N, C-alpha and C. Protein backbone atom coordinates (compact mmCIF):
# COMPACT_ATOMS: atom_id res chain seq x y z
N MET A 1 -193.50 169.64 -28.18
CA MET A 1 -192.82 168.82 -29.56
C MET A 1 -191.65 169.39 -29.68
N ALA A 2 -190.62 168.15 -30.23
CA ALA A 2 -189.35 168.75 -30.20
C ALA A 2 -189.25 169.29 -31.95
N ILE A 3 -188.75 170.04 -32.09
CA ILE A 3 -188.34 170.80 -33.43
C ILE A 3 -186.73 170.75 -33.23
N GLU A 4 -186.25 170.50 -34.34
CA GLU A 4 -184.64 170.70 -34.75
C GLU A 4 -184.41 171.83 -35.27
N SER A 5 -183.69 172.65 -35.65
CA SER A 5 -183.20 173.68 -36.90
C SER A 5 -181.87 174.06 -36.02
N SER A 6 -181.26 174.89 -36.67
CA SER A 6 -180.19 176.03 -36.71
C SER A 6 -180.42 176.86 -35.62
N SER A 7 -179.49 177.20 -34.63
CA SER A 7 -180.15 177.99 -33.69
C SER A 7 -179.28 179.17 -34.22
N ALA A 8 -178.96 179.34 -35.46
CA ALA A 8 -178.35 181.00 -36.04
C ALA A 8 -179.81 181.04 -36.70
N VAL A 9 -179.89 182.87 -36.05
CA VAL A 9 -180.91 183.18 -36.79
C VAL A 9 -180.65 183.95 -38.41
N ASN A 10 -179.65 184.05 -38.82
CA ASN A 10 -178.92 184.45 -39.99
C ASN A 10 -179.13 183.95 -40.75
N PRO A 11 -179.51 183.68 -42.47
CA PRO A 11 -179.33 183.01 -43.45
C PRO A 11 -178.11 182.41 -43.64
N PRO A 12 -177.87 181.40 -44.23
CA PRO A 12 -176.64 180.79 -44.69
C PRO A 12 -175.67 181.35 -45.61
N GLU A 13 -174.25 181.59 -45.25
CA GLU A 13 -174.00 182.58 -46.54
C GLU A 13 -173.62 181.22 -47.23
N LYS A 14 -173.82 181.89 -48.84
CA LYS A 14 -173.51 181.08 -50.30
C LYS A 14 -173.18 179.90 -50.18
N ASN A 15 -171.84 180.15 -49.74
CA ASN A 15 -170.91 179.24 -49.84
C ASN A 15 -171.37 178.09 -49.22
N GLU A 16 -171.56 178.38 -47.68
CA GLU A 16 -172.38 177.26 -46.89
C GLU A 16 -173.62 176.82 -47.95
N LEU A 17 -174.35 177.33 -48.16
CA LEU A 17 -175.75 176.99 -48.88
C LEU A 17 -175.06 175.95 -50.39
N PHE A 18 -174.63 176.60 -51.19
CA PHE A 18 -173.90 175.84 -52.29
C PHE A 18 -173.19 174.38 -51.28
N GLY A 19 -172.34 174.29 -50.59
CA GLY A 19 -171.89 173.43 -50.01
C GLY A 19 -172.95 172.23 -49.82
N THR A 20 -174.20 172.64 -49.13
CA THR A 20 -175.39 171.88 -48.57
C THR A 20 -176.00 171.58 -49.81
N LEU A 21 -175.68 172.47 -51.15
CA LEU A 21 -177.08 171.58 -52.05
C LEU A 21 -176.66 171.28 -53.03
N VAL A 22 -174.97 170.46 -52.56
CA VAL A 22 -174.20 169.66 -53.88
C VAL A 22 -174.78 168.51 -54.08
N THR A 23 -176.11 168.17 -52.89
CA THR A 23 -176.16 166.49 -52.81
C THR A 23 -178.15 166.67 -53.85
N GLN A 24 -177.88 166.15 -54.21
CA GLN A 24 -179.11 166.41 -55.06
C GLN A 24 -180.61 165.86 -54.27
N LYS A 25 -180.67 164.70 -53.36
CA LYS A 25 -181.68 164.81 -52.62
C LYS A 25 -181.60 166.05 -51.71
N GLN A 26 -181.06 166.98 -51.10
CA GLN A 26 -181.03 168.18 -50.53
C GLN A 26 -181.81 168.85 -51.36
N ARG A 27 -181.33 169.34 -52.16
CA ARG A 27 -181.96 170.14 -53.81
C ARG A 27 -183.55 169.60 -53.69
N GLN A 28 -183.63 168.39 -53.84
CA GLN A 28 -185.12 167.36 -54.11
C GLN A 28 -186.17 168.17 -53.02
N VAL A 29 -185.97 167.86 -51.78
CA VAL A 29 -185.99 168.14 -50.82
C VAL A 29 -186.92 169.61 -50.63
N LEU A 30 -186.12 170.59 -50.73
CA LEU A 30 -185.91 171.87 -50.87
C LEU A 30 -186.92 172.17 -52.11
N ASP A 31 -186.88 171.82 -53.02
CA ASP A 31 -187.83 171.58 -54.04
C ASP A 31 -189.13 171.19 -53.48
N LEU A 32 -189.56 170.25 -53.14
CA LEU A 32 -190.36 169.74 -53.13
C LEU A 32 -191.28 170.52 -51.99
N LEU A 33 -190.59 170.98 -50.94
CA LEU A 33 -191.47 171.80 -49.79
C LEU A 33 -191.54 173.19 -50.68
N LEU A 34 -190.76 173.83 -51.49
CA LEU A 34 -191.10 175.19 -52.20
C LEU A 34 -192.08 174.82 -52.88
N ILE A 35 -192.78 174.06 -53.49
CA ILE A 35 -193.67 173.57 -54.26
C ILE A 35 -194.80 173.51 -53.54
N THR A 36 -195.14 172.56 -52.39
CA THR A 36 -196.21 172.82 -51.57
C THR A 36 -196.24 173.98 -50.86
N GLY A 37 -195.42 174.33 -50.22
CA GLY A 37 -195.49 175.58 -49.41
C GLY A 37 -195.97 175.07 -47.93
N GLU A 38 -196.34 173.88 -47.27
CA GLU A 38 -196.42 172.99 -46.23
C GLU A 38 -195.40 172.87 -46.07
N PRO A 39 -195.41 172.37 -44.25
CA PRO A 39 -194.77 171.00 -44.28
C PRO A 39 -195.43 169.65 -44.80
N LYS A 40 -194.57 168.86 -44.78
CA LYS A 40 -194.48 167.90 -45.44
C LYS A 40 -194.10 166.72 -44.50
N ALA A 41 -194.74 165.61 -44.00
CA ALA A 41 -194.26 164.14 -43.32
C ALA A 41 -192.90 163.98 -44.12
N MET A 42 -191.89 163.16 -43.17
CA MET A 42 -190.97 162.20 -44.03
C MET A 42 -191.10 161.36 -44.69
N ALA A 43 -192.18 160.71 -44.59
CA ALA A 43 -193.00 159.51 -44.82
C ALA A 43 -192.92 159.92 -46.52
N ASP A 44 -194.01 160.69 -46.65
CA ASP A 44 -194.40 161.30 -47.69
C ASP A 44 -193.44 161.92 -48.99
N ILE A 45 -191.95 162.83 -48.24
CA ILE A 45 -191.20 163.08 -48.81
C ILE A 45 -190.18 161.81 -49.86
N ALA A 46 -190.04 160.61 -48.83
CA ALA A 46 -189.33 159.67 -49.70
C ALA A 46 -190.27 159.43 -50.36
N ILE A 47 -191.41 159.28 -50.52
CA ILE A 47 -192.27 158.14 -51.78
C ILE A 47 -192.18 159.43 -52.64
N GLU A 48 -192.25 160.60 -52.59
CA GLU A 48 -192.13 161.34 -53.22
C GLU A 48 -190.99 161.39 -54.47
N LEU A 49 -189.77 161.19 -53.74
CA LEU A 49 -188.54 161.35 -53.90
C LEU A 49 -188.35 159.68 -54.67
N ALA A 50 -188.66 158.29 -54.27
CA ALA A 50 -188.73 157.33 -54.83
C ALA A 50 -189.46 157.85 -56.12
N ARG A 51 -190.34 158.12 -56.14
CA ARG A 51 -191.43 158.51 -57.08
C ARG A 51 -190.59 158.85 -58.36
N GLN A 52 -190.33 159.84 -57.87
CA GLN A 52 -189.05 160.41 -59.21
C GLN A 52 -188.23 160.00 -59.73
N GLN A 53 -187.85 158.65 -59.29
CA GLN A 53 -186.95 157.94 -60.22
C GLN A 53 -187.30 156.53 -60.54
N GLU A 54 -188.48 156.96 -60.79
CA GLU A 54 -189.38 155.81 -61.68
C GLU A 54 -189.39 154.54 -61.49
N PHE A 55 -189.39 154.32 -60.33
CA PHE A 55 -189.24 152.59 -60.02
C PHE A 55 -190.76 152.19 -60.09
N ALA A 56 -190.68 150.87 -60.74
CA ALA A 56 -191.86 150.62 -60.81
C ALA A 56 -192.87 150.40 -59.61
N ASP A 57 -194.24 150.22 -59.49
CA ASP A 57 -195.08 150.55 -58.10
C ASP A 57 -194.59 149.75 -57.34
N GLU A 58 -194.68 148.27 -57.27
CA GLU A 58 -193.88 147.67 -56.28
C GLU A 58 -192.39 148.05 -55.45
N ALA A 59 -191.52 148.42 -56.31
CA ALA A 59 -190.36 148.84 -55.86
C ALA A 59 -190.35 149.86 -55.49
N VAL A 60 -191.00 150.97 -55.24
CA VAL A 60 -191.19 152.78 -55.10
C VAL A 60 -191.56 152.41 -53.09
N TRP A 61 -191.81 151.48 -52.87
CA TRP A 61 -192.08 151.14 -51.06
C TRP A 61 -191.11 151.04 -50.76
N GLN A 62 -189.92 149.70 -51.17
CA GLN A 62 -188.72 149.52 -50.98
C GLN A 62 -187.66 150.65 -50.77
N GLU A 63 -187.53 151.35 -51.88
CA GLU A 63 -186.77 152.25 -51.98
C GLU A 63 -187.46 153.24 -51.27
N ALA A 64 -188.59 153.94 -51.42
CA ALA A 64 -188.87 155.44 -50.14
C ALA A 64 -188.42 154.46 -48.79
N SER A 65 -188.40 153.34 -48.20
CA SER A 65 -187.73 153.05 -46.98
C SER A 65 -186.58 153.60 -46.90
N ARG A 66 -185.77 153.06 -47.83
CA ARG A 66 -184.48 153.05 -47.78
C ARG A 66 -183.89 154.86 -48.04
N ILE A 67 -184.59 155.67 -48.86
CA ILE A 67 -184.72 157.06 -48.90
C ILE A 67 -184.99 157.66 -47.53
N ARG A 68 -186.22 157.13 -46.85
CA ARG A 68 -186.53 157.84 -45.91
C ARG A 68 -185.43 157.95 -44.35
N ILE A 69 -184.34 156.73 -44.81
CA ILE A 69 -183.74 156.40 -44.09
C ILE A 69 -182.71 157.56 -43.70
N GLU A 70 -182.01 157.60 -45.00
CA GLU A 70 -181.22 158.18 -45.42
C GLU A 70 -181.72 160.09 -45.15
N LEU A 71 -182.90 159.99 -45.86
CA LEU A 71 -183.33 161.38 -45.54
C LEU A 71 -182.96 161.78 -43.50
N TYR A 72 -183.27 160.77 -43.12
CA TYR A 72 -183.25 161.26 -41.65
C TYR A 72 -182.28 161.53 -40.67
N HIS A 73 -181.41 160.53 -41.34
CA HIS A 73 -179.95 160.89 -40.58
C HIS A 73 -178.78 161.51 -41.54
N ARG A 74 -179.31 161.30 -42.82
CA ARG A 74 -178.01 162.60 -43.11
C ARG A 74 -178.56 164.00 -43.86
N HIS A 75 -179.88 163.69 -44.67
CA HIS A 75 -179.92 164.98 -45.90
C HIS A 75 -180.53 165.86 -45.03
N LEU A 76 -181.53 165.89 -43.82
CA LEU A 76 -182.32 166.90 -43.40
C LEU A 76 -182.16 167.28 -42.45
N PRO A 77 -181.00 166.67 -41.38
CA PRO A 77 -180.08 167.24 -40.56
C PRO A 77 -178.81 168.30 -41.39
N LYS A 78 -178.40 167.86 -42.55
CA LYS A 78 -177.85 169.06 -43.40
C LYS A 78 -178.18 170.33 -43.25
N LEU A 79 -179.74 170.15 -43.86
CA LEU A 79 -180.62 171.38 -44.42
C LEU A 79 -180.98 172.27 -42.96
N ALA A 80 -181.18 171.39 -42.05
CA ALA A 80 -181.70 171.94 -40.74
C ALA A 80 -180.30 172.37 -40.04
N ASP A 81 -179.11 171.99 -40.05
CA ASP A 81 -178.12 172.54 -39.67
C ASP A 81 -177.76 174.06 -40.43
N ILE A 82 -178.19 174.57 -41.45
CA ILE A 82 -178.03 175.71 -42.27
C ILE A 82 -179.64 176.67 -42.18
N GLY A 83 -180.24 176.06 -41.48
CA GLY A 83 -181.16 177.07 -40.53
C GLY A 83 -182.52 177.12 -42.11
N LEU A 84 -182.11 175.87 -43.00
CA LEU A 84 -182.69 176.20 -44.20
C LEU A 84 -184.46 175.31 -43.73
N VAL A 85 -184.29 174.14 -43.39
CA VAL A 85 -185.53 173.63 -42.73
C VAL A 85 -185.73 173.27 -41.06
N GLU A 86 -187.23 173.11 -40.55
CA GLU A 86 -187.42 172.81 -39.29
C GLU A 86 -188.00 171.30 -38.98
N ILE A 87 -187.15 170.00 -38.36
CA ILE A 87 -187.71 169.01 -38.28
C ILE A 87 -188.42 168.96 -36.83
N ASP A 88 -189.57 168.41 -37.08
CA ASP A 88 -190.72 168.28 -36.14
C ASP A 88 -190.71 166.08 -35.87
N THR A 89 -189.57 166.20 -34.63
CA THR A 89 -188.80 164.70 -34.32
C THR A 89 -190.47 164.02 -34.20
N THR A 90 -191.82 164.82 -33.53
CA THR A 90 -192.77 164.21 -32.65
C THR A 90 -193.59 164.00 -33.69
N ARG A 91 -194.17 165.16 -34.85
CA ARG A 91 -194.70 164.52 -35.74
C ARG A 91 -194.30 164.48 -37.16
N ASN A 92 -192.50 163.88 -37.06
CA ASN A 92 -191.94 163.32 -38.18
C ASN A 92 -192.77 164.19 -39.61
N THR A 93 -192.43 165.70 -38.95
CA THR A 93 -192.73 166.26 -40.23
C THR A 93 -191.26 167.46 -40.74
N VAL A 94 -191.34 167.85 -41.49
CA VAL A 94 -190.36 169.12 -42.38
C VAL A 94 -191.11 170.09 -42.63
N SER A 95 -190.31 171.07 -42.14
CA SER A 95 -190.91 172.24 -43.10
C SER A 95 -190.11 173.44 -43.24
N LEU A 96 -190.21 174.10 -43.84
CA LEU A 96 -189.23 175.22 -44.50
C LEU A 96 -189.23 176.23 -43.77
N THR A 97 -187.92 176.97 -43.08
CA THR A 97 -188.05 178.09 -42.68
C THR A 97 -187.98 179.35 -43.10
N SER A 98 -187.85 180.45 -43.19
CA SER A 98 -187.82 181.61 -43.64
C SER A 98 -186.94 181.44 -44.49
N ALA A 99 -185.84 181.15 -44.43
CA ALA A 99 -184.51 181.30 -44.69
C ALA A 99 -184.53 180.55 -46.11
N GLY A 100 -185.25 179.41 -45.91
CA GLY A 100 -185.53 177.98 -46.67
C GLY A 100 -186.67 178.46 -47.89
N ALA A 101 -187.38 179.40 -47.41
CA ALA A 101 -188.27 180.06 -48.81
C ALA A 101 -187.65 180.96 -48.88
N GLU A 102 -186.86 181.82 -48.79
CA GLU A 102 -186.05 182.93 -49.99
C GLU A 102 -184.77 182.04 -50.17
N VAL A 103 -184.56 180.71 -50.27
CA VAL A 103 -183.50 179.80 -50.99
C VAL A 103 -183.84 180.27 -52.51
N ARG A 104 -184.40 180.68 -53.30
CA ARG A 104 -184.66 180.72 -54.56
C ARG A 104 -183.89 181.74 -54.73
N ASP A 105 -184.28 183.01 -54.28
CA ASP A 105 -183.66 184.31 -54.73
C ASP A 105 -182.68 184.51 -54.19
N ARG A 106 -181.73 183.92 -53.31
CA ARG A 106 -180.58 184.01 -52.72
C ARG A 106 -179.54 183.70 -53.51
N LEU A 107 -180.27 182.18 -54.61
CA LEU A 107 -179.67 181.67 -55.72
C LEU A 107 -179.41 182.12 -56.73
N SER A 108 -180.17 183.08 -57.14
CA SER A 108 -180.10 183.70 -58.38
C SER A 108 -178.74 184.58 -58.42
N LEU A 109 -178.11 184.29 -59.51
CA LEU A 109 -176.78 184.64 -60.45
C LEU A 109 -176.80 185.55 -61.37
N GLY A 110 -178.19 186.25 -61.50
CA GLY A 110 -178.53 187.03 -62.22
C GLY A 110 -178.45 188.54 -61.91
């Protein structure tokens, strides 16, 4: 099983975290994984993000395909690089790491 993740054991610093989460899709992926609490297939994440954009049903599949490519090549690697998610390329799934699960508490400004 091939799993990609940051080799860092320590959670990301706040500046690194904010820099990565500046992109809406990266925040949406984390929110989705935090809500479900379980690994999700990349295709399912893409479909959910496309549905959030309120496309007509026939356009959701086309948009989901575009989003899946974006996730695979851009957004998920950035989240994995700072240790928030693990990508299982054999199963095409994404799961939160312990650092990813703690992201809401780490971003608390109060």
